[in-house]
């Protein structure tokens, strides 16, 4: 089980390193990693389990964040209609995206960042993504809203990019061109 002590924090070189493609069939270690990433998110959103183990709630977790340089992340997040997106994405890619952008008005957070970093993080409002399941099945999905933001945040991790790299340094709350704030945040 992944605990907060297993999640590396900003400043660790793995967070700035591009992860390597994962080969199929998955090794037992890669299967366990995939399972553990998703398990952390599910547990972290359960108030009793989160309190018992001191877990910070999360909606996404990338392999880089547990010091595994593999192109794999888990998401466990609901959209604004209450539909749950709960999966592990292996070798994920964004194949198309909207011109329109969005951002979370309160800013983004990260399990690898122990401080609040104010500012708008521009993200594509809608994306079409491809990835592989743990069984090697290719999936293609369309995401918008919070699931799309979370997918882009985790994909950035696999490329060694932190969310605050996208914040306008001069004016963290500058209006993002061609964008709208994500509601419900």
N, C-alpha and C. Protein backbone atom coordinates (compact mmCIF):
# COMPACT_ATOMS: atom_id res chain seq x y z
N UNK A 1 0.84 -1.19 0.00
CA UNK A 1 0.00 0.00 0.00
C UNK A 1 0.88 1.25 0.00
N UNK A 2 0.59 2.17 -0.90
CA UNK A 2 1.35 3.43 -0.97
C UNK A 2 0.87 4.35 0.16
N UNK A 3 1.82 4.90 0.88
CA UNK A 3 1.52 5.87 1.94
C UNK A 3 2.17 7.21 1.57
N UNK A 4 1.84 8.25 2.32
CA UNK A 4 2.41 9.57 2.02
C UNK A 4 3.94 9.54 2.04
N UNK A 5 4.52 8.72 2.91
CA UNK A 5 6.00 8.64 2.98
C UNK A 5 6.60 8.09 1.69
N UNK A 6 5.79 7.38 0.89
CA UNK A 6 6.27 6.80 -0.36
C UNK A 6 6.21 7.78 -1.54
N UNK A 7 5.48 8.88 -1.34
CA UNK A 7 5.32 9.87 -2.41
C UNK A 7 6.44 10.89 -2.30
N UNK A 8 7.26 10.98 -3.36
CA UNK A 8 8.40 11.89 -3.31
C UNK A 8 7.91 13.33 -3.46
N UNK A 9 8.69 14.28 -2.93
CA UNK A 9 8.28 15.67 -2.91
C UNK A 9 9.11 16.50 -3.88
N UNK A 10 8.57 17.70 -4.18
CA UNK A 10 9.25 18.59 -5.13
C UNK A 10 10.70 18.77 -4.72
N UNK A 11 11.55 18.86 -5.73
CA UNK A 11 12.99 18.92 -5.49
C UNK A 11 13.65 17.57 -5.81
N UNK A 12 12.88 16.48 -5.74
CA UNK A 12 13.42 15.16 -6.07
C UNK A 12 13.62 15.08 -7.59
N UNK A 13 14.79 14.60 -8.05
CA UNK A 13 15.07 14.57 -9.49
C UNK A 13 14.07 13.77 -10.32
N UNK A 14 13.45 12.74 -9.77
CA UNK A 14 12.49 11.93 -10.55
C UNK A 14 11.29 12.74 -11.01
N UNK A 15 10.96 13.81 -10.28
CA UNK A 15 9.82 14.64 -10.68
C UNK A 15 10.16 15.51 -11.89
N UNK A 16 11.43 15.62 -12.21
CA UNK A 16 11.87 16.42 -13.36
C UNK A 16 12.45 15.55 -14.47
N UNK A 17 12.18 14.25 -14.41
CA UNK A 17 12.72 13.29 -15.37
C UNK A 17 11.58 12.70 -16.20
N UNK A 18 11.79 12.61 -17.50
CA UNK A 18 10.79 12.00 -18.37
C UNK A 18 10.75 10.50 -18.12
N UNK A 19 9.56 9.99 -17.88
CA UNK A 19 9.39 8.56 -17.62
C UNK A 19 9.55 7.75 -18.91
N UNK A 20 9.88 6.49 -18.76
CA UNK A 20 10.12 5.58 -19.89
C UNK A 20 8.83 4.85 -20.27
N UNK A 21 8.68 4.56 -21.57
CA UNK A 21 7.54 3.77 -22.04
C UNK A 21 7.55 2.42 -21.32
N UNK A 22 6.35 1.90 -21.08
CA UNK A 22 6.20 0.60 -20.43
C UNK A 22 5.98 -0.44 -21.54
N UNK A 23 6.60 -1.60 -21.40
CA UNK A 23 6.45 -2.66 -22.41
C UNK A 23 5.43 -3.69 -21.93
N UNK A 24 4.80 -4.32 -22.92
CA UNK A 24 3.79 -5.35 -22.63
C UNK A 24 4.32 -6.71 -23.06
N UNK A 25 3.89 -7.80 -22.43
CA UNK A 25 2.99 -7.80 -21.28
C UNK A 25 3.69 -7.20 -20.06
N UNK A 26 2.87 -6.66 -19.15
CA UNK A 26 3.43 -6.03 -17.95
C UNK A 26 4.10 -7.07 -17.07
N UNK A 27 5.16 -6.64 -16.41
CA UNK A 27 5.79 -7.50 -15.39
C UNK A 27 4.87 -7.50 -14.17
N UNK A 28 5.10 -8.45 -13.27
CA UNK A 28 4.32 -8.47 -12.02
C UNK A 28 4.54 -7.17 -11.25
N UNK A 29 5.78 -6.64 -11.26
CA UNK A 29 6.06 -5.39 -10.56
C UNK A 29 5.25 -4.23 -11.15
N UNK A 30 5.16 -4.18 -12.48
CA UNK A 30 4.38 -3.10 -13.12
C UNK A 30 2.89 -3.24 -12.82
N UNK A 31 2.40 -4.48 -12.79
CA UNK A 31 0.98 -4.70 -12.45
C UNK A 31 0.70 -4.24 -11.02
N UNK A 32 1.63 -4.56 -10.12
CA UNK A 32 1.46 -4.16 -8.72
C UNK A 32 1.52 -2.64 -8.60
N UNK A 33 2.44 -2.01 -9.31
CA UNK A 33 2.54 -0.55 -9.28
C UNK A 33 1.22 0.06 -9.75
N UNK A 34 0.68 -0.42 -10.86
CA UNK A 34 -0.59 0.10 -11.38
C UNK A 34 -1.69 -0.03 -10.34
N UNK A 35 -1.79 -1.19 -9.75
CA UNK A 35 -2.80 -1.45 -8.73
C UNK A 35 -2.61 -0.54 -7.51
N UNK A 36 -1.36 -0.39 -7.08
CA UNK A 36 -1.06 0.44 -5.89
C UNK A 36 -1.38 1.92 -6.13
N UNK A 37 -1.12 2.42 -7.34
CA UNK A 37 -1.40 3.83 -7.65
C UNK A 37 -2.91 4.09 -7.51
N UNK A 38 -3.71 3.22 -8.11
CA UNK A 38 -5.16 3.39 -8.06
C UNK A 38 -5.68 3.18 -6.64
N UNK A 39 -5.14 2.18 -5.95
CA UNK A 39 -5.57 1.91 -4.58
C UNK A 39 -5.33 3.13 -3.68
N UNK A 40 -4.18 3.81 -3.87
CA UNK A 40 -3.91 5.00 -3.05
C UNK A 40 -5.03 6.03 -3.23
N UNK A 41 -5.40 6.31 -4.48
CA UNK A 41 -6.41 7.33 -4.76
C UNK A 41 -7.75 6.96 -4.14
N UNK A 42 -8.16 5.71 -4.30
CA UNK A 42 -9.43 5.25 -3.74
C UNK A 42 -9.39 5.38 -2.21
N UNK A 43 -8.31 4.90 -1.61
CA UNK A 43 -8.17 5.00 -0.14
C UNK A 43 -8.13 6.44 0.33
N UNK A 44 -7.45 7.30 -0.43
CA UNK A 44 -7.27 8.69 0.00
C UNK A 44 -8.59 9.47 -0.02
N UNK A 45 -9.57 8.97 -0.80
CA UNK A 45 -10.87 9.64 -0.88
C UNK A 45 -11.88 9.04 0.11
N UNK A 46 -11.45 8.03 0.85
CA UNK A 46 -12.30 7.43 1.88
C UNK A 46 -11.89 8.05 3.21
N UNK A 47 -12.77 8.87 3.82
CA UNK A 47 -12.37 9.62 5.03
C UNK A 47 -11.79 8.76 6.15
N UNK A 48 -12.38 7.58 6.40
CA UNK A 48 -11.86 6.75 7.50
C UNK A 48 -10.47 6.22 7.20
N UNK A 49 -10.28 5.68 5.99
CA UNK A 49 -8.97 5.12 5.62
C UNK A 49 -7.93 6.24 5.55
N UNK A 50 -8.31 7.38 4.95
CA UNK A 50 -7.38 8.51 4.83
C UNK A 50 -6.90 8.97 6.20
N UNK A 51 -7.84 9.04 7.15
CA UNK A 51 -7.45 9.49 8.49
C UNK A 51 -6.57 8.45 9.18
N UNK A 52 -6.94 7.18 9.05
CA UNK A 52 -6.20 6.10 9.71
C UNK A 52 -4.74 6.08 9.25
N UNK A 53 -4.51 6.27 7.94
CA UNK A 53 -3.16 6.16 7.39
C UNK A 53 -2.51 7.51 7.09
N UNK A 54 -3.21 8.60 7.40
CA UNK A 54 -2.64 9.94 7.15
C UNK A 54 -2.45 10.24 5.68
N UNK A 55 -3.44 9.87 4.85
CA UNK A 55 -3.34 10.06 3.40
C UNK A 55 -3.94 11.40 3.00
N UNK A 56 -3.22 12.15 2.17
CA UNK A 56 -3.81 13.36 1.59
C UNK A 56 -4.69 12.93 0.43
N UNK A 57 -5.91 13.49 0.34
CA UNK A 57 -6.78 13.09 -0.77
C UNK A 57 -6.19 13.48 -2.11
N UNK A 58 -6.32 12.58 -3.07
CA UNK A 58 -5.82 12.85 -4.42
C UNK A 58 -6.78 12.29 -5.45
N UNK A 59 -6.73 12.87 -6.66
CA UNK A 59 -7.55 12.37 -7.77
C UNK A 59 -6.68 11.78 -8.87
N UNK A 60 -5.36 11.97 -8.76
CA UNK A 60 -4.43 11.41 -9.74
C UNK A 60 -3.09 11.16 -9.09
N UNK A 61 -2.40 10.14 -9.56
CA UNK A 61 -1.07 9.82 -9.04
C UNK A 61 -0.26 9.15 -10.15
N UNK A 62 0.91 9.73 -10.43
CA UNK A 62 1.78 9.22 -11.49
C UNK A 62 2.91 8.38 -10.89
N UNK A 63 3.39 7.43 -11.69
CA UNK A 63 4.48 6.55 -11.23
C UNK A 63 5.70 7.36 -10.79
N UNK A 64 5.99 8.47 -11.50
CA UNK A 64 7.13 9.31 -11.11
C UNK A 64 7.05 9.71 -9.64
N UNK A 65 5.81 9.93 -9.17
CA UNK A 65 5.62 10.45 -7.81
C UNK A 65 5.96 9.42 -6.73
N UNK A 66 6.08 8.16 -7.12
CA UNK A 66 6.55 7.14 -6.18
C UNK A 66 7.93 6.63 -6.64
N UNK A 67 8.64 7.52 -7.35
CA UNK A 67 10.03 7.28 -7.77
C UNK A 67 10.17 6.09 -8.71
N UNK A 68 9.16 5.89 -9.57
CA UNK A 68 9.22 4.86 -10.62
C UNK A 68 9.09 5.58 -11.95
N UNK A 69 10.16 5.58 -12.73
CA UNK A 69 10.15 6.35 -13.98
C UNK A 69 9.51 5.54 -15.11
N UNK A 70 8.22 5.30 -14.96
CA UNK A 70 7.45 4.53 -15.93
C UNK A 70 6.25 5.35 -16.37
N UNK A 71 5.90 5.26 -17.66
CA UNK A 71 4.79 6.07 -18.21
C UNK A 71 3.46 5.42 -17.82
N UNK A 72 3.05 5.73 -16.59
CA UNK A 72 1.86 5.13 -16.02
C UNK A 72 1.31 6.07 -14.95
N UNK A 73 0.00 6.27 -14.97
CA UNK A 73 -0.62 7.00 -13.86
C UNK A 73 -2.02 6.47 -13.62
N UNK A 74 -2.55 6.79 -12.44
CA UNK A 74 -3.92 6.41 -12.09
C UNK A 74 -4.75 7.67 -11.91
N UNK A 75 -6.02 7.57 -12.29
CA UNK A 75 -7.00 8.64 -12.03
C UNK A 75 -8.18 8.01 -11.31
N UNK A 76 -8.74 8.75 -10.38
CA UNK A 76 -9.98 8.36 -9.69
C UNK A 76 -10.69 9.67 -9.40
N UNK A 77 -11.53 10.09 -10.36
CA UNK A 77 -12.12 11.42 -10.30
C UNK A 77 -13.50 11.41 -10.95
N UNK A 78 -14.40 12.22 -10.37
CA UNK A 78 -15.74 12.35 -10.95
C UNK A 78 -15.81 13.61 -11.79
N UNK A 79 -16.63 13.56 -12.85
CA UNK A 79 -16.88 14.78 -13.62
C UNK A 79 -18.05 15.54 -12.99
N UNK A 80 -18.43 16.65 -13.59
CA UNK A 80 -19.47 17.49 -12.99
C UNK A 80 -20.85 16.84 -13.01
N UNK A 81 -20.99 15.73 -13.72
CA UNK A 81 -22.27 15.01 -13.74
C UNK A 81 -22.25 13.82 -12.78
N UNK A 82 -21.14 13.67 -12.06
CA UNK A 82 -21.04 12.57 -11.10
C UNK A 82 -20.56 11.26 -11.70
N UNK A 83 -20.13 11.29 -12.98
CA UNK A 83 -19.59 10.06 -13.59
C UNK A 83 -18.16 9.86 -13.11
N UNK A 84 -17.88 8.65 -12.63
CA UNK A 84 -16.57 8.33 -12.10
C UNK A 84 -15.64 7.83 -13.20
N UNK A 85 -14.46 8.41 -13.24
CA UNK A 85 -13.38 7.95 -14.12
C UNK A 85 -12.32 7.35 -13.20
N UNK A 86 -12.21 6.05 -13.22
CA UNK A 86 -11.28 5.36 -12.33
C UNK A 86 -10.51 4.34 -13.16
N UNK A 87 -9.25 4.65 -13.45
CA UNK A 87 -8.46 3.76 -14.31
C UNK A 87 -6.98 4.05 -14.16
N UNK A 88 -6.19 3.10 -14.66
CA UNK A 88 -4.75 3.29 -14.78
C UNK A 88 -4.47 3.45 -16.27
N UNK A 89 -3.73 4.51 -16.61
CA UNK A 89 -3.36 4.78 -18.00
C UNK A 89 -1.88 4.45 -18.17
N UNK A 90 -1.59 3.57 -19.12
CA UNK A 90 -0.20 3.19 -19.40
C UNK A 90 0.16 3.73 -20.78
N UNK A 91 1.33 4.35 -20.87
CA UNK A 91 1.81 5.01 -22.10
C UNK A 91 0.74 5.97 -22.68
N UNK A 92 0.19 6.85 -21.82
CA UNK A 92 -0.89 7.74 -22.28
C UNK A 92 -0.40 8.83 -23.22
N UNK A 93 -1.31 9.25 -24.11
CA UNK A 93 -1.04 10.34 -25.05
C UNK A 93 -2.32 11.12 -25.25
N UNK A 94 -2.18 12.41 -25.48
CA UNK A 94 -3.32 13.22 -25.90
C UNK A 94 -3.28 13.25 -27.42
N UNK A 95 -4.34 12.78 -28.06
CA UNK A 95 -4.34 12.72 -29.53
C UNK A 95 -5.01 13.94 -30.15
N UNK A 96 -5.89 14.59 -29.41
CA UNK A 96 -6.46 15.86 -29.88
C UNK A 96 -6.99 16.63 -28.68
N UNK A 97 -7.15 17.93 -28.86
CA UNK A 97 -7.62 18.77 -27.76
C UNK A 97 -8.34 19.99 -28.30
N UNK A 98 -9.14 20.59 -27.44
CA UNK A 98 -9.88 21.80 -27.80
C UNK A 98 -8.91 22.98 -27.88
N UNK A 99 -9.31 24.00 -28.63
CA UNK A 99 -8.57 25.26 -28.61
C UNK A 99 -8.86 25.94 -27.28
N UNK A 100 -10.11 25.81 -26.86
CA UNK A 100 -10.54 26.45 -25.61
C UNK A 100 -9.80 25.84 -24.42
N UNK A 101 -9.46 26.72 -23.50
CA UNK A 101 -8.75 26.28 -22.29
C UNK A 101 -9.66 26.45 -21.08
N UNK A 102 -9.25 25.85 -19.98
CA UNK A 102 -9.94 26.00 -18.71
C UNK A 102 -8.89 26.05 -17.62
N UNK A 103 -9.32 26.37 -16.41
CA UNK A 103 -8.42 26.39 -15.26
C UNK A 103 -9.28 26.27 -14.00
N UNK A 104 -8.68 25.79 -12.94
CA UNK A 104 -9.37 25.69 -11.66
C UNK A 104 -9.14 27.01 -10.93
N UNK A 105 -10.22 27.76 -10.64
CA UNK A 105 -10.06 29.10 -10.02
C UNK A 105 -9.24 29.08 -8.74
N UNK A 106 -9.35 28.02 -7.96
CA UNK A 106 -8.60 27.95 -6.69
C UNK A 106 -7.17 27.44 -6.90
N UNK A 107 -6.81 27.12 -8.14
CA UNK A 107 -5.47 26.61 -8.43
C UNK A 107 -5.43 25.09 -8.32
N UNK A 108 -4.34 24.49 -8.77
CA UNK A 108 -4.16 23.04 -8.69
C UNK A 108 -3.31 22.69 -7.48
N UNK A 109 -3.47 21.48 -7.02
CA UNK A 109 -2.62 20.96 -5.96
C UNK A 109 -1.94 19.70 -6.46
N UNK A 110 -1.03 19.18 -5.64
CA UNK A 110 -0.27 18.01 -6.05
C UNK A 110 0.20 17.28 -4.80
N UNK A 111 0.11 15.96 -4.81
CA UNK A 111 0.55 15.19 -3.65
C UNK A 111 2.05 15.30 -3.43
N UNK A 112 2.80 15.72 -4.44
CA UNK A 112 4.25 15.89 -4.30
C UNK A 112 4.63 17.31 -3.89
N UNK A 113 3.63 18.17 -3.71
CA UNK A 113 3.90 19.57 -3.35
C UNK A 113 3.18 19.86 -2.03
N UNK A 114 3.97 20.18 -1.00
CA UNK A 114 3.41 20.37 0.34
C UNK A 114 3.05 21.82 0.65
N UNK A 115 3.01 22.66 -0.38
CA UNK A 115 2.69 24.07 -0.15
C UNK A 115 1.63 24.50 -1.14
N UNK A 116 0.91 25.55 -0.77
CA UNK A 116 -0.08 26.10 -1.69
C UNK A 116 0.67 26.96 -2.70
N UNK A 117 0.35 26.80 -3.97
CA UNK A 117 0.96 27.64 -5.00
C UNK A 117 -0.19 28.29 -5.76
N UNK A 118 -0.45 29.57 -5.45
CA UNK A 118 -1.58 30.23 -6.08
C UNK A 118 -1.33 30.54 -7.55
N UNK A 119 -2.40 30.53 -8.32
CA UNK A 119 -2.30 30.89 -9.73
C UNK A 119 -3.10 29.97 -10.60
N UNK A 120 -3.46 30.50 -11.77
CA UNK A 120 -4.21 29.73 -12.74
C UNK A 120 -3.27 28.85 -13.54
N UNK A 121 -3.66 27.60 -13.73
CA UNK A 121 -2.90 26.64 -14.52
C UNK A 121 -3.73 26.36 -15.78
N UNK A 122 -3.36 26.97 -16.92
CA UNK A 122 -4.16 26.75 -18.13
C UNK A 122 -4.07 25.30 -18.61
N UNK A 123 -5.23 24.72 -18.90
CA UNK A 123 -5.32 23.36 -19.42
C UNK A 123 -6.31 23.35 -20.58
N UNK A 124 -6.19 22.36 -21.45
CA UNK A 124 -7.20 22.21 -22.50
C UNK A 124 -8.52 21.83 -21.84
N UNK A 125 -9.61 22.46 -22.29
CA UNK A 125 -10.93 22.19 -21.71
C UNK A 125 -11.40 20.78 -22.03
N UNK A 126 -11.07 20.31 -23.25
CA UNK A 126 -11.50 18.98 -23.68
C UNK A 126 -10.32 18.29 -24.36
N UNK A 127 -10.19 17.01 -24.08
CA UNK A 127 -9.12 16.24 -24.72
C UNK A 127 -9.65 14.88 -25.18
N UNK A 128 -9.01 14.35 -26.20
CA UNK A 128 -9.19 12.95 -26.56
C UNK A 128 -7.84 12.29 -26.29
N UNK A 129 -7.88 11.21 -25.53
CA UNK A 129 -6.64 10.58 -25.09
C UNK A 129 -6.65 9.10 -25.46
N UNK A 130 -5.45 8.59 -25.65
CA UNK A 130 -5.26 7.15 -25.86
C UNK A 130 -4.31 6.64 -24.79
N UNK A 131 -4.56 5.43 -24.35
CA UNK A 131 -3.65 4.79 -23.39
C UNK A 131 -3.92 3.30 -23.43
N UNK A 132 -3.09 2.55 -22.73
CA UNK A 132 -3.26 1.11 -22.63
C UNK A 132 -3.67 0.75 -21.20
N UNK A 133 -4.51 -0.29 -21.10
CA UNK A 133 -4.87 -0.82 -19.79
C UNK A 133 -3.76 -1.75 -19.32
N UNK A 134 -3.87 -2.23 -18.08
CA UNK A 134 -2.85 -3.16 -17.58
C UNK A 134 -2.82 -4.45 -18.39
N UNK A 135 -3.92 -4.77 -19.07
CA UNK A 135 -3.96 -5.98 -19.90
C UNK A 135 -3.51 -5.72 -21.34
N UNK A 136 -3.04 -4.50 -21.62
CA UNK A 136 -2.52 -4.19 -22.95
C UNK A 136 -3.58 -3.79 -23.95
N UNK A 137 -4.81 -3.56 -23.49
CA UNK A 137 -5.89 -3.14 -24.39
C UNK A 137 -5.78 -1.63 -24.61
N UNK A 138 -5.86 -1.23 -25.90
CA UNK A 138 -5.80 0.21 -26.18
C UNK A 138 -7.18 0.82 -25.96
N UNK A 139 -7.18 1.96 -25.24
CA UNK A 139 -8.42 2.69 -24.98
C UNK A 139 -8.30 4.08 -25.57
N UNK A 140 -9.43 4.60 -26.04
CA UNK A 140 -9.48 5.98 -26.52
C UNK A 140 -10.67 6.61 -25.82
N UNK A 141 -10.43 7.70 -25.09
CA UNK A 141 -11.52 8.33 -24.36
C UNK A 141 -11.51 9.84 -24.57
N UNK A 142 -12.69 10.42 -24.43
CA UNK A 142 -12.83 11.87 -24.46
C UNK A 142 -13.10 12.34 -23.04
N UNK A 143 -12.38 13.35 -22.63
CA UNK A 143 -12.55 13.89 -21.28
C UNK A 143 -12.75 15.39 -21.35
N UNK A 144 -13.56 15.89 -20.42
CA UNK A 144 -13.64 17.34 -20.27
C UNK A 144 -13.77 17.66 -18.79
N UNK A 145 -13.65 18.94 -18.46
CA UNK A 145 -13.76 19.34 -17.06
C UNK A 145 -12.62 18.80 -16.22
N UNK A 146 -12.95 18.49 -14.96
CA UNK A 146 -11.92 18.05 -14.01
C UNK A 146 -11.17 16.79 -14.45
N UNK A 147 -11.85 15.77 -15.00
CA UNK A 147 -11.07 14.60 -15.47
C UNK A 147 -10.04 14.97 -16.54
N UNK A 148 -10.38 15.92 -17.44
CA UNK A 148 -9.42 16.35 -18.47
C UNK A 148 -8.24 17.08 -17.83
N UNK A 149 -8.53 17.94 -16.85
CA UNK A 149 -7.47 18.67 -16.15
C UNK A 149 -6.55 17.68 -15.43
N UNK A 150 -7.16 16.72 -14.73
CA UNK A 150 -6.37 15.74 -13.97
C UNK A 150 -5.50 14.90 -14.91
N UNK A 151 -6.05 14.48 -16.06
CA UNK A 151 -5.28 13.69 -17.03
C UNK A 151 -4.06 14.49 -17.48
N UNK A 152 -4.26 15.78 -17.79
CA UNK A 152 -3.14 16.61 -18.26
C UNK A 152 -2.10 16.82 -17.16
N UNK A 153 -2.56 16.99 -15.91
CA UNK A 153 -1.66 17.17 -14.77
C UNK A 153 -0.77 15.93 -14.61
N UNK A 154 -1.39 14.75 -14.69
CA UNK A 154 -0.61 13.51 -14.52
C UNK A 154 0.30 13.24 -15.71
N UNK A 155 -0.18 13.53 -16.92
CA UNK A 155 0.67 13.37 -18.10
C UNK A 155 1.90 14.28 -18.01
N UNK A 156 1.71 15.48 -17.49
CA UNK A 156 2.85 16.38 -17.26
C UNK A 156 3.89 15.71 -16.36
N UNK A 157 3.42 15.04 -15.29
CA UNK A 157 4.37 14.36 -14.39
C UNK A 157 5.25 13.39 -15.17
N UNK A 158 4.65 12.66 -16.10
CA UNK A 158 5.41 11.67 -16.86
C UNK A 158 6.45 12.33 -17.77
N UNK A 159 6.26 13.62 -18.03
CA UNK A 159 7.21 14.38 -18.85
C UNK A 159 8.13 15.28 -18.01
N UNK A 160 8.09 15.10 -16.70
CA UNK A 160 8.96 15.87 -15.82
C UNK A 160 8.52 17.32 -15.64
N UNK A 161 7.24 17.58 -15.84
CA UNK A 161 6.70 18.95 -15.74
C UNK A 161 5.82 19.04 -14.50
N UNK A 162 5.98 20.11 -13.73
CA UNK A 162 5.14 20.35 -12.55
C UNK A 162 4.04 21.35 -12.91
N UNK A 163 2.90 21.26 -12.22
CA UNK A 163 1.77 22.13 -12.56
C UNK A 163 2.11 23.61 -12.49
N UNK A 164 2.97 23.98 -11.55
CA UNK A 164 3.28 25.40 -11.38
C UNK A 164 4.18 25.95 -12.49
N UNK A 165 4.73 25.06 -13.32
CA UNK A 165 5.50 25.52 -14.48
C UNK A 165 4.60 26.27 -15.46
N UNK A 166 3.29 26.01 -15.40
CA UNK A 166 2.32 26.63 -16.31
C UNK A 166 1.78 27.98 -15.79
N UNK A 167 2.05 28.30 -14.53
CA UNK A 167 1.49 29.53 -13.95
C UNK A 167 2.29 30.73 -14.43
N UNK A 168 1.57 31.78 -14.81
CA UNK A 168 2.19 33.03 -15.25
C UNK A 168 2.95 33.64 -14.06
N UNK A 169 4.28 33.69 -14.17
CA UNK A 169 5.10 34.18 -13.05
C UNK A 169 4.85 35.64 -12.75
N UNK A 170 4.66 36.44 -13.80
CA UNK A 170 4.45 37.88 -13.61
C UNK A 170 3.13 38.17 -12.92
N UNK A 171 2.09 37.44 -13.36
CA UNK A 171 0.75 37.67 -12.83
C UNK A 171 0.04 36.32 -12.74
N UNK A 172 0.15 35.63 -11.56
CA UNK A 172 -0.40 34.28 -11.43
C UNK A 172 -1.91 34.18 -11.72
N UNK A 173 -2.64 35.31 -11.54
CA UNK A 173 -4.07 35.27 -11.78
C UNK A 173 -4.47 36.05 -13.03
N UNK A 174 -3.52 36.17 -13.96
CA UNK A 174 -3.82 36.84 -15.24
C UNK A 174 -4.88 36.03 -15.97
N UNK A 175 -5.78 36.73 -16.64
CA UNK A 175 -6.82 36.04 -17.41
C UNK A 175 -6.14 35.15 -18.46
N UNK A 176 -6.60 33.91 -18.56
CA UNK A 176 -6.07 32.97 -19.54
C UNK A 176 -6.84 33.17 -20.84
N UNK A 177 -6.16 33.50 -21.95
CA UNK A 177 -6.86 33.71 -23.22
C UNK A 177 -7.68 32.49 -23.65
N UNK A 178 -8.84 32.72 -24.27
CA UNK A 178 -9.71 31.65 -24.78
C UNK A 178 -10.00 30.59 -23.73
N UNK A 179 -10.38 31.06 -22.52
CA UNK A 179 -10.60 30.09 -21.45
C UNK A 179 -11.82 30.42 -20.62
N UNK A 180 -12.21 29.46 -19.81
CA UNK A 180 -13.25 29.68 -18.82
C UNK A 180 -12.86 28.96 -17.54
N UNK A 181 -13.32 29.49 -16.38
CA UNK A 181 -13.00 28.80 -15.12
C UNK A 181 -13.81 27.51 -15.00
N UNK A 182 -13.21 26.50 -14.43
CA UNK A 182 -13.89 25.24 -14.22
C UNK A 182 -14.88 25.44 -13.07
N UNK A 183 -16.14 25.16 -13.33
CA UNK A 183 -17.16 25.37 -12.29
C UNK A 183 -17.10 24.28 -11.25
N UNK A 184 -17.70 24.60 -10.13
CA UNK A 184 -17.78 23.60 -9.06
C UNK A 184 -16.49 23.43 -8.30
N UNK A 185 -15.56 24.36 -8.51
CA UNK A 185 -14.30 24.27 -7.76
C UNK A 185 -14.19 25.42 -6.80
